[in-house]
PDB file of N, CA and C in Angstrom:
ATOM      1  N   MET A   1       1.131  -1.430  -0.120  1.00  0.00           N
ATOM      2  CA  MET A   1       0.090   0.263   0.101  1.00  0.00           C
ATOM      3  C   MET A   1       0.942   1.022  -0.014  1.00  0.00           C
ATOM      4  N   LYS A   2       2.202   1.087   0.836  1.00  0.00           N
ATOM      5  CA  LYS A   2       2.439   2.232   0.795  1.00  0.00           C
ATOM      6  C   LYS A   2       3.544   2.193  -0.319  1.00  0.00           C
ATOM      7  N   LYS A   3       4.208   1.668  -0.953  1.00  0.00           N
ATOM      8  CA  LYS A   3       4.614   1.631  -2.636  1.00  0.00           C
ATOM      9  C   LYS A   3       3.291   2.635  -3.693  1.00  0.00           C
ATOM     10  N   ILE A   4       2.090   1.731  -3.504  1.00  0.00           N
ATOM     11  CA  ILE A   4       1.361   2.796  -4.583  1.00  0.00           C
ATOM     12  C   ILE A   4       0.941   4.318  -4.186  1.00  0.00           C
ATOM     13  N   PHE A   5       1.276   4.874  -2.873  1.00  0.00           N
ATOM     14  CA  PHE A   5       0.500   5.786  -2.496  1.00  0.00           C
ATOM     15  C   PHE A   5       1.665   6.935  -3.098  1.00  0.00           C
ATOM     16  N   ALA A   6       3.311   5.768  -2.802  1.00  0.00           N
ATOM     17  CA  ALA A   6       5.065   6.952  -2.899  1.00  0.00           C
ATOM     18  C   ALA A   6       4.688   6.924  -4.836  1.00  0.00           C
ATOM     19  N   ILE A   7       3.776   5.987  -5.707  1.00  0.00           N
ATOM     20  CA  ILE A   7       3.964   5.705  -6.618  1.00  0.00           C
ATOM     21  C   ILE A   7       3.258   7.146  -7.142  1.00  0.00           C
ATOM     22  N   LEU A   8       1.646   7.397  -6.889  1.00  0.00           N
ATOM     23  CA  LEU A   8       1.100   8.030  -6.999  1.00  0.00           C
ATOM     24  C   LEU A   8       1.135   9.288  -6.338  1.00  0.00           C
ATOM     25  N   ALA A   9       2.071   9.785  -5.220  1.00  0.00           N
ATOM     26  CA  ALA A   9       2.742  11.271  -5.346  1.00  0.00           C
ATOM     27  C   ALA A   9       3.336  11.740  -5.688  1.00  0.00           C
ATOM     28  N   LEU A  10       4.292  10.570  -6.795  1.00  0.00           N
ATOM     29  CA  LEU A  10       5.701  11.131  -7.432  1.00  0.00           C
ATOM     30  C   LEU A  10       4.849  11.712  -9.106  1.00  0.00           C
ATOM     31  N   VAL A  11       3.453  10.600  -9.626  1.00  0.00           N
ATOM     32  CA  VAL A  11       3.034  11.006 -10.523  1.00  0.00           C
ATOM     33  C   VAL A  11       2.161  12.530 -10.147  1.00  0.00           C
ATOM     34  N   GLY A  12       1.896  12.397  -9.286  1.00  0.00           N
ATOM     35  CA  GLY A  12       1.417  13.848  -8.849  1.00  0.00           C
ATOM     36  C   GLY A  12       2.189  14.880  -8.889  1.00  0.00           C
ATOM     37  N   ILE A  13       3.329  15.171  -8.292  1.00  0.00           N
ATOM     38  CA  ILE A  13       4.256  16.249  -8.195  1.00  0.00           C
ATOM     39  C   ILE A  13       4.923  16.974 -10.196  1.00  0.00           C
ATOM     40  N   ALA A  14       5.086  15.196 -10.143  1.00  0.00           N
ATOM     41  CA  ALA A  14       5.329  15.614 -11.982  1.00  0.00           C
ATOM     42  C   ALA A  14       3.984  16.010 -12.816  1.00  0.00           C
ATOM     43  N   THR A  15       3.119  15.807 -12.442  1.00  0.00           N
ATOM     44  CA  THR A  15       2.469  16.430 -13.071  1.00  0.00           C
ATOM     45  C   THR A  15       1.859  18.040 -12.473  1.00  0.00           C
ATOM     46  N   VAL A  16       2.087  18.705 -11.606  1.00  0.00           N
ATOM     47  CA  VAL A  16       2.218  19.803 -11.587  1.00  0.00           C
ATOM     48  C   VAL A  16       3.302  20.736 -11.430  1.00  0.00           C
ATOM     49  N   GLY A  17       4.381  19.547 -11.866  1.00  0.00           N
ATOM     50  CA  GLY A  17       5.350  19.891 -12.109  1.00  0.00           C
ATOM     51  C   GLY A  17       5.808  20.510 -13.989  1.00  0.00           C
ATOM     52  N   VAL A  18       4.717  19.236 -14.367  1.00  0.00           N
ATOM     53  CA  VAL A  18       5.116  19.654 -16.064  1.00  0.00           C
ATOM     54  C   VAL A  18       3.513  21.053 -16.444  1.00  0.00           C
ATOM     55  N   ALA A  19       2.781  20.846 -15.304  1.00  0.00           N
ATOM     56  CA  ALA A  19       1.714  21.830 -16.057  1.00  0.00           C
ATOM     57  C   ALA A  19       1.996  23.682 -15.520  1.00  0.00           C
ATOM     58  N   GLN A  20       3.151  23.662 -14.814  1.00  0.00           N
ATOM     59  CA  GLN A  20       4.561  24.924 -15.184  1.00  0.00           C
ATOM     60  C   GLN A  20       3.988  25.581 -16.153  1.00  0.00           C
ATOM     61  N   ASN A  21       3.782  26.803 -16.562  1.00  0.00           N
ATOM     62  CA  ASN A  21       4.300  27.609 -18.301  1.00  0.00           C
ATOM     63  C   ASN A  21       5.387  27.984 -17.637  1.00  0.00           C
ATOM     64  N   ILE A  22       6.264  27.739 -18.073  1.00  0.00           N
ATOM     65  CA  ILE A  22       7.668  28.454 -17.550  1.00  0.00           C
ATOM     66  C   ILE A  22       8.350  29.039 -18.936  1.00  0.00           C
ATOM     67  N   LYS A  23       7.806  30.272 -18.865  1.00  0.00           N
ATOM     68  CA  LYS A  23       8.378  30.885 -20.235  1.00  0.00           C
ATOM     69  C   LYS A  23       9.862  31.444 -19.949  1.00  0.00           C
ATOM     70  N   ALA A  24      11.296  31.104 -20.627  1.00  0.00           N
ATOM     71  CA  ALA A  24      12.262  32.060 -20.858  1.00  0.00           C
ATOM     72  C   ALA A  24      12.858  33.236 -21.503  1.00  0.00           C
ATOM     73  N   GLY A  25      13.322  33.852 -21.597  1.00  0.00           N
ATOM     74  CA  GLY A  25      13.253  35.312 -22.122  1.00  0.00           C
ATOM     75  C   GLY A  25      13.053  36.376 -21.485  1.00  0.00           C
ATOM     76  N   LEU A  26      12.872  37.255 -23.005  1.00  0.00           N
ATOM     77  CA  LEU A  26      12.074  38.458 -22.614  1.00  0.00           C
ATOM     78  C   LEU A  26      10.827  39.045 -22.873  1.00  0.00           C
ATOM     79  N   TYR A  27       9.897  39.540 -22.279  1.00  0.00           N
ATOM     80  CA  TYR A  27       8.513  39.013 -22.334  1.00  0.00           C
ATOM     81  C   TYR A  27       8.476  40.800 -21.913  1.00  0.00           C
ATOM     82  N   ASP A  28       7.351  41.200 -22.810  1.00  0.00           N
ATOM     83  CA  ASP A  28       6.469  42.008 -22.723  1.00  0.00           C
ATOM     84  C   ASP A  28       5.242  42.089 -21.666  1.00  0.00           C
ATOM     85  N   LYS A  29       3.888  42.661 -21.088  1.00  0.00           N
ATOM     86  CA  LYS A  29       3.209  42.542 -20.226  1.00  0.00           C
ATOM     87  C   LYS A  29       2.141  41.851 -20.584  1.00  0.00           C
ATOM     88  N   GLN A  30       2.164  41.673 -22.140  1.00  0.00           N
ATOM     89  CA  GLN A  30       1.127  41.039 -22.790  1.00  0.00           C
ATOM     90  C   GLN A  30       1.435  39.712 -22.847  1.00  0.00           C
ATOM     91  N   GLY A  31       2.970  39.381 -22.419  1.00  0.00           N
ATOM     92  CA  GLY A  31       3.163  37.821 -23.442  1.00  0.00           C
ATOM     93  C   GLY A  31       4.021  38.100 -24.556  1.00  0.00           C
ATOM     94  N   ASN A  32       3.889  38.990 -24.722  1.00  0.00           N
ATOM     95  CA  ASN A  32       4.713  38.851 -26.076  1.00  0.00           C
ATOM     96  C   ASN A  32       6.408  38.864 -26.463  1.00  0.00           C
ATOM     97  N   ALA A  33       6.982  38.257 -26.936  1.00  0.00           N
ATOM     98  CA  ALA A  33       8.590  37.906 -26.735  1.00  0.00           C
ATOM     99  C   ALA A  33       8.787  39.050 -27.369  1.00  0.00           C
ATOM    100  N   VAL A  34      10.480  39.915 -26.781  1.00  0.00           N
ATOM    101  CA  VAL A  34      10.996  40.539 -27.057  1.00  0.00           C
ATOM    102  C   VAL A  34      12.533  40.676 -27.469  1.00  0.00           C
ATOM    103  N   VAL A  35      11.778  41.162 -29.249  1.00  0.00           N
ATOM    104  CA  VAL A  35      13.597  40.754 -29.741  1.00  0.00           C
ATOM    105  C   VAL A  35      14.574  41.836 -29.163  1.00  0.00           C
ATOM    106  N   VAL A  36      15.200  41.711 -29.082  1.00  0.00           N
ATOM    107  CA  VAL A  36      16.831  42.482 -29.388  1.00  0.00           C
ATOM    108  C   VAL A  36      17.876  42.868 -30.052  1.00  0.00           C
ATOM    109  N   GLU A  37      17.713  43.474 -31.140  1.00  0.00           N
ATOM    110  CA  GLU A  37      18.628  43.757 -31.821  1.00  0.00           C
ATOM    111  C   GLU A  37      20.090  44.438 -31.983  1.00  0.00           C
ATOM    112  N   ALA A  38      21.659  44.091 -31.810  1.00  0.00           N
ATOM    113  CA  ALA A  38      22.806  44.751 -31.808  1.00  0.00           C
ATOM    114  C   ALA A  38      23.477  45.274 -33.319  1.00  0.00           C
ATOM    115  N   GLU A  39      24.021  45.820 -33.005  1.00  0.00           N
ATOM    116  CA  GLU A  39      24.820  46.937 -33.987  1.00  0.00           C
ATOM    117  C   GLU A  39      25.051  45.476 -34.513  1.00  0.00           C
ATOM    118  N   PRO A  40      25.902  45.112 -35.680  1.00  0.00           N
ATOM    119  CA  PRO A  40      27.048  44.169 -36.033  1.00  0.00           C
ATOM    120  C   PRO A  40      28.741  44.978 -35.891  1.00  0.00           C
ATOM    121  N   ILE A  41      28.485  43.401 -35.362  1.00  0.00           N
ATOM    122  CA  ILE A  41      30.600  44.101 -35.005  1.00  0.00           C
ATOM    123  C   ILE A  41      31.273  43.023 -36.072  1.00  0.00           C
ATOM    124  N   VAL A  42      32.648  44.453 -36.307  1.00  0.00           N
ATOM    125  CA  VAL A  42      33.611  43.692 -37.657  1.00  0.00           C
ATOM    126  C   VAL A  42      34.342  43.544 -36.590  1.00  0.00           C
ATOM    127  N   VAL A  43      35.695  41.997 -36.495  1.00  0.00           N
ATOM    128  CA  VAL A  43      36.101  42.072 -35.997  1.00  0.00           C
ATOM    129  C   VAL A  43      37.432  41.791 -36.919  1.00  0.00           C
ATOM    130  N   ASN A  44      39.060  42.421 -36.912  1.00  0.00           N
ATOM    131  CA  ASN A  44      39.517  42.459 -37.843  1.00  0.00           C
ATOM    132  C   ASN A  44      40.927  41.451 -37.171  1.00  0.00           C
ATOM    133  N   VAL A  45      41.396  40.904 -37.968  1.00  0.00           N
ATOM    134  CA  VAL A  45      42.311  39.717 -37.588  1.00  0.00           C
ATOM    135  C   VAL A  45      42.927  39.907 -39.071  1.00  0.00           C
ATOM    136  N   THR A  46      44.485  40.013 -38.045  1.00  0.00           N
ATOM    137  CA  THR A  46      45.585  40.278 -39.117  1.00  0.00           C
ATOM    138  C   THR A  46      46.320  39.171 -38.997  1.00  0.00           C
ATOM    139  N   LEU A  47      46.991  38.214 -39.860  1.00  0.00           N
ATOM    140  CA  LEU A  47      47.475  37.395 -39.670  1.00  0.00           C
ATOM    141  C   LEU A  47      49.222  37.681 -39.834  1.00  0.00           C
ATOM    142  N   ARG A  48      50.099  37.128 -39.841  1.00  0.00           N
ATOM    143  CA  ARG A  48      51.540  36.936 -40.941  1.00  0.00           C
ATOM    144  C   ARG A  48      51.804  35.684 -40.678  1.00  0.00           C
ATOM    145  N   VAL A  49      52.254  34.884 -41.934  1.00  0.00           N
ATOM    146  CA  VAL A  49      52.363  33.930 -41.992  1.00  0.00           C
ATOM    147  C   VAL A  49      53.773  33.990 -43.148  1.00  0.00           C
ATOM    148  N   ALA A  50      54.472  33.119 -42.517  1.00  0.00           N
ATOM    149  CA  ALA A  50      55.727  32.627 -42.899  1.00  0.00           C
ATOM    150  C   ALA A  50      55.356  31.149 -43.484  1.00  0.00           C
ATOM    151  N   THR A  51      56.072  31.220 -45.168  1.00  0.00           N
ATOM    152  CA  THR A  51      55.590  29.925 -45.613  1.00  0.00           C
ATOM    153  C   THR A  51      57.591  29.284 -45.778  1.00  0.00           C
ATOM    154  N   GLU A  52      56.654  28.085 -46.033  1.00  0.00           N
ATOM    155  CA  GLU A  52      59.042  27.731 -46.804  1.00  0.00           C
ATOM    156  C   GLU A  52      58.697  26.473 -47.884  1.00  0.00           C
ATOM    157  N   GLN A  53      58.696  26.628 -49.373  1.00  0.00           N
ATOM    158  CA  GLN A  53      58.858  25.977 -49.701  1.00  0.00           C
ATOM    159  C   GLN A  53      60.049  24.943 -50.101  1.00  0.00           C
ATOM    160  N   PHE A  54      60.261  23.467 -50.709  1.00  0.00           N
ATOM    161  CA  PHE A  54      61.459  22.615 -51.153  1.00  0.00           C
ATOM    162  C   PHE A  54      60.675  21.700 -52.181  1.00  0.00           C
ATOM    163  N   LYS A  55      61.186  22.313 -53.590  1.00  0.00           N
ATOM    164  CA  LYS A  55      61.466  21.466 -54.638  1.00  0.00           C
ATOM    165  C   LYS A  55      62.494  20.748 -54.800  1.00  0.00           C
ATOM    166  N   PRO A  56      63.110  19.666 -55.020  1.00  0.00           N
ATOM    167  CA  PRO A  56      64.336  19.334 -55.200  1.00  0.00           C
ATOM    168  C   PRO A  56      63.827  19.465 -56.766  1.00  0.00           C
ATOM    169  N   GLY A  57      65.748  19.963 -57.387  1.00  0.00           N
ATOM    170  CA  GLY A  57      65.838  20.220 -58.678  1.00  0.00           C
ATOM    171  C   GLY A  57      66.186  18.588 -59.273  1.00  0.00           C
ATOM    172  N   VAL A  58      66.530  18.931 -61.081  1.00  0.00           N
ATOM    173  CA  VAL A  58      66.683  17.640 -61.870  1.00  0.00           C
ATOM    174  C   VAL A  58      67.740  16.699 -61.211  1.00  0.00           C
ATOM    175  N   TYR A  59      68.679  17.226 -60.813  1.00  0.00           N
ATOM    176  CA  TYR A  59      69.882  16.943 -60.253  1.00  0.00           C
ATOM    177  C   TYR A  59      70.473  16.493 -59.039  1.00  0.00           C
ATOM    178  N   ALA A  60      69.215  16.955 -58.351  1.00  0.00           N
ATOM    179  CA  ALA A  60      69.766  16.409 -56.651  1.00  0.00           C
ATOM    180  C   ALA A  60      70.021  15.168 -56.188  1.00  0.00           C
ATOM    181  N   ARG A  61      69.176  14.497 -57.520  1.00  0.00           N
ATOM    182  CA  ARG A  61      69.708  12.763 -56.958  1.00  0.00           C
ATOM    183  C   ARG A  61      71.617  12.343 -57.558  1.00  0.00           C
ATOM    184  N   TYR A  62      71.782  13.365 -58.153  1.00  0.00           N
ATOM    185  CA  TYR A  62      73.225  12.942 -58.983  1.00  0.00           C
ATOM    186  C   TYR A  62      73.881  13.745 -57.858  1.00  0.00           C
ATOM    187  N   ALA A  63      73.329  14.699 -57.326  1.00  0.00           N
ATOM    188  CA  ALA A  63      74.119  15.553 -55.935  1.00  0.00           C
ATOM    189  C   ALA A  63      74.138  14.719 -54.875  1.00  0.00           C
ATOM    190  N   GLN A  64      73.306  13.939 -54.668  1.00  0.00           N
ATOM    191  CA  GLN A  64      73.612  13.284 -53.506  1.00  0.00           C
ATOM    192  C   GLN A  64      74.631  12.419 -53.353  1.00  0.00           C
ATOM    193  N   LYS A  65      74.021  11.321 -54.887  1.00  0.00           N
ATOM    194  CA  LYS A  65      75.303  10.144 -55.169  1.00  0.00           C
ATOM    195  C   LYS A  65      76.462  10.466 -55.171  1.00  0.00           C
ATOM    196  N   TYR A  66      76.940  11.668 -56.147  1.00  0.00           N
ATOM    197  CA  TYR A  66      78.268  11.909 -56.908  1.00  0.00           C
ATOM    198  C   TYR A  66      79.212  13.334 -55.458  1.00  0.00           C
ATOM    199  N   LEU A  67      78.172  13.921 -55.410  1.00  0.00           N
ATOM    200  CA  LEU A  67      79.167  14.834 -54.585  1.00  0.00           C
ATOM    201  C   LEU A  67      79.265  14.860 -52.649  1.00  0.00           C
ATOM    202  N   GLY A  68      77.930  13.671 -52.665  1.00  0.00           N
ATOM    203  CA  GLY A  68      77.718  13.363 -51.323  1.00  0.00           C
ATOM    204  C   GLY A  68      76.546  14.043 -49.947  1.00  0.00           C
ATOM    205  N   LYS A  69      75.997  14.995 -50.827  1.00  0.00           N
ATOM    206  CA  LYS A  69      75.570  16.295 -50.034  1.00  0.00           C
ATOM    207  C   LYS A  69      74.006  15.399 -50.407  1.00  0.00           C
ATOM    208  N   ARG A  70      73.821  14.829 -48.378  1.00  0.00           N
ATOM    209  CA  ARG A  70      72.481  14.344 -48.225  1.00  0.00           C
ATOM    210  C   ARG A  70      71.770  15.498 -48.251  1.00  0.00           C
ATOM    211  N   ALA A  71      70.943  15.468 -49.519  1.00  0.00           N
ATOM    212  CA  ALA A  71      69.334  16.430 -48.879  1.00  0.00           C
ATOM    213  C   ALA A  71      68.458  15.561 -48.749  1.00  0.00           C
ATOM    214  N   THR A  72      67.407  16.069 -49.046  1.00  0.00           N
ATOM    215  CA  THR A  72      65.608  15.545 -48.864  1.00  0.00           C
ATOM    216  C   THR A  72      65.723  15.425 -50.466  1.00  0.00           C
ATOM    217  N   LEU A  73      64.496  14.163 -50.458  1.00  0.00           N
ATOM    218  CA  LEU A  73      64.142  14.370 -52.132  1.00  0.00           C
ATOM    219  C   LEU A  73      63.272  14.411 -51.945  1.00  0.00           C
ATOM    220  N   SER A  74      62.339  14.543 -51.348  1.00  0.00           N
ATOM    221  CA  SER A  74      60.631  14.871 -51.550  1.00  0.00           C
ATOM    222  C   SER A  74      60.534  15.862 -50.933  1.00  0.00           C
ATOM    223  N   GLU A  75      58.938  16.785 -52.156  1.00  0.00           N
ATOM    224  CA  GLU A  75      58.643  17.348 -51.547  1.00  0.00           C
ATOM    225  C   GLU A  75      57.913  18.372 -50.619  1.00  0.00           C
ATOM    226  N   TYR A  76      58.100  19.400 -49.525  1.00  0.00           N
ATOM    227  CA  TYR A  76      57.625  19.632 -48.432  1.00  0.00           C
ATOM    228  C   TYR A  76      57.450  21.343 -48.944  1.00  0.00           C
ATOM    229  N   SER A  77      56.761  21.426 -47.582  1.00  0.00           N
ATOM    230  CA  SER A  77      55.795  23.102 -47.217  1.00  0.00           C
ATOM    231  C   SER A  77      55.842  23.347 -45.859  1.00  0.00           C
ATOM    232  N   SER A  78      56.015  24.314 -45.436  1.00  0.00           N
ATOM    233  CA  SER A  78      55.833  24.256 -44.189  1.00  0.00           C
ATOM    234  C   SER A  78      55.509  25.511 -43.723  1.00  0.00           C
ATOM    235  N   LEU A  79      54.274  26.155 -43.105  1.00  0.00           N
ATOM    236  CA  LEU A  79      53.690  27.317 -42.553  1.00  0.00           C
ATOM    237  C   LEU A  79      53.957  27.792 -40.945  1.00  0.00           C
ATOM    238  N   GLU A  80      54.816  28.893 -40.532  1.00  0.00           N
ATOM    239  CA  GLU A  80      55.182  29.734 -39.209  1.00  0.00           C
ATOM    240  C   GLU A  80      54.163  30.633 -39.253  1.00  0.00           C
ATOM    241  N   LEU A  81      53.301  30.431 -38.461  1.00  0.00           N
ATOM    242  CA  LEU A  81      52.242  32.080 -37.937  1.00  0.00           C
ATOM    243  C   LEU A  81      53.545  32.991 -37.005  1.00  0.00           C
ATOM    244  N   VAL A  82      53.451  33.549 -37.386  1.00  0.00           N
ATOM    245  CA  VAL A  82      55.045  34.928 -37.057  1.00  0.00           C
ATOM    246  C   VAL A  82      54.188  35.985 -35.989  1.00  0.00           C
ATOM    247  N   ASP A  83      53.034  35.931 -36.363  1.00  0.00           N
ATOM    248  CA  ASP A  83      51.892  37.622 -35.296  1.00  0.00           C
ATOM    249  C   ASP A  83      50.744  37.253 -36.214  1.00  0.00           C
ATOM    250  N   ALA A  84      50.480  37.266 -34.992  1.00  0.00           N
ATOM    251  CA  ALA A  84      48.439  37.496 -35.306  1.00  0.00           C
ATOM    252  C   ALA A  84      47.946  38.649 -34.347  1.00  0.00           C
ATOM    253  N   GLU A  85      47.032  39.084 -34.831  1.00  0.00           N
ATOM    254  CA  GLU A  85      46.437  41.028 -34.405  1.00  0.00           C
ATOM    255  C   GLU A  85      45.245  40.886 -34.322  1.00  0.00           C
ATOM    256  N   LEU A  86      44.375  41.064 -33.098  1.00  0.00           N
ATOM    257  CA  LEU A  86      42.494  41.102 -32.706  1.00  0.00           C
ATOM    258  C   LEU A  86      42.468  42.423 -32.731  1.00  0.00           C
ATOM    259  N   ALA A  87      41.150  43.087 -33.729  1.00  0.00           N
ATOM    260  CA  ALA A  87      40.746  44.390 -33.019  1.00  0.00           C
ATOM    261  C   ALA A  87      39.489  44.514 -33.402  1.00  0.00           C
ATOM    262  N   LEU A  88      38.687  45.156 -32.662  1.00  0.00           N
ATOM    263  CA  LEU A  88      37.205  45.346 -33.124  1.00  0.00           C
ATOM    264  C   LEU A  88      37.678  46.966 -34.117  1.00  0.00           C
ATOM    265  N   GLY A  89      36.799  46.525 -35.625  1.00  0.00           N
ATOM    266  CA  GLY A  89      36.581  47.769 -36.079  1.00  0.00           C
ATOM    267  C   GLY A  89      34.946  48.145 -36.523  1.00  0.00           C
ATOM    268  N   SER A  90      34.748  48.870 -37.321  1.00  0.00           N
ATOM    269  CA  SER A  90      34.047  49.778 -37.411  1.00  0.00           C
ATOM    270  C   SER A  90      33.200  49.041 -39.003  1.00  0.00           C
ATOM    271  N   ALA A  91      31.410  48.712 -39.246  1.00  0.00           N
ATOM    272  CA  ALA A  91      31.215  48.400 -39.558  1.00  0.00           C
ATOM    273  C   ALA A  91      31.375  48.614 -41.684  1.00  0.00           C
ATOM    274  N   GLU A  92      31.805  49.807 -41.317  1.00  0.00           N
ATOM    275  CA  GLU A  92      32.040  50.491 -42.599  1.00  0.00           C
ATOM    276  C   GLU A  92      32.924  50.297 -43.657  1.00  0.00           C
ATOM    277  N   LYS A  93      33.905  50.362 -43.076  1.00  0.00           N
ATOM    278  CA  LYS A  93      34.989  49.605 -42.696  1.00  0.00           C
ATOM    279  C   LYS A  93      35.097  48.206 -42.919  1.00  0.00           C
ATOM    280  N   VAL A  94      34.751  47.396 -44.618  1.00  0.00           N
ATOM    281  CA  VAL A  94      34.229  45.982 -44.735  1.00  0.00           C
ATOM    282  C   VAL A  94      35.595  45.205 -45.161  1.00  0.00           C
ATOM    283  N   ALA A  95      36.338  46.155 -46.097  1.00  0.00           N
ATOM    284  CA  ALA A  95      36.890  45.682 -47.172  1.00  0.00           C
ATOM    285  C   ALA A  95      37.724  45.566 -47.045  1.00  0.00           C
ATOM    286  N   PRO A  96      39.220  43.969 -47.382  1.00  0.00           N
ATOM    287  CA  PRO A  96      39.959  43.545 -46.592  1.00  0.00           C
ATOM    288  C   PRO A  96      40.934  44.754 -47.147  1.00  0.00           C
ATOM    289  N   GLN A  97      42.480  44.622 -46.300  1.00  0.00           N
ATOM    290  CA  GLN A  97      43.514  45.120 -46.553  1.00  0.00           C
ATOM    291  C   GLN A  97      44.450  44.350 -46.896  1.00  0.00           C
ATOM    292  N   VAL A  98      44.841  44.811 -48.378  1.00  0.00           N
ATOM    293  CA  VAL A  98      46.161  43.726 -48.475  1.00  0.00           C
ATOM    294  C   VAL A  98      47.413  44.008 -48.479  1.00  0.00           C
ATOM    295  N   GLU A  99      48.503  43.520 -47.719  1.00  0.00           N
ATOM    296  CA  GLU A  99      49.741  44.243 -47.862  1.00  0.00           C
ATOM    297  C   GLU A  99      50.580  43.951 -49.181  1.00  0.00           C
TER     298      GLU A  99
END
């Protein structure tokens, strides 16, 4: 009997909890949602990147074989981030500046 009473009590509490009309956000007095509009924000990001590319020439194998120069025979490229800047900008200045 106690188990049935406990189950009925939990169902009753759950029903009361679900019946609550909870609204999250901003509402005016009539219950209409209030939409807030913000000005656009422009974030200027400036990155300076150093690149290194290596492509072996036609005579790389001969130089390695006859001159004893140990050079890599595979192509590679590497990128290194040198400098980064973040700044807030204005909405009028949208065009990127290329140096």
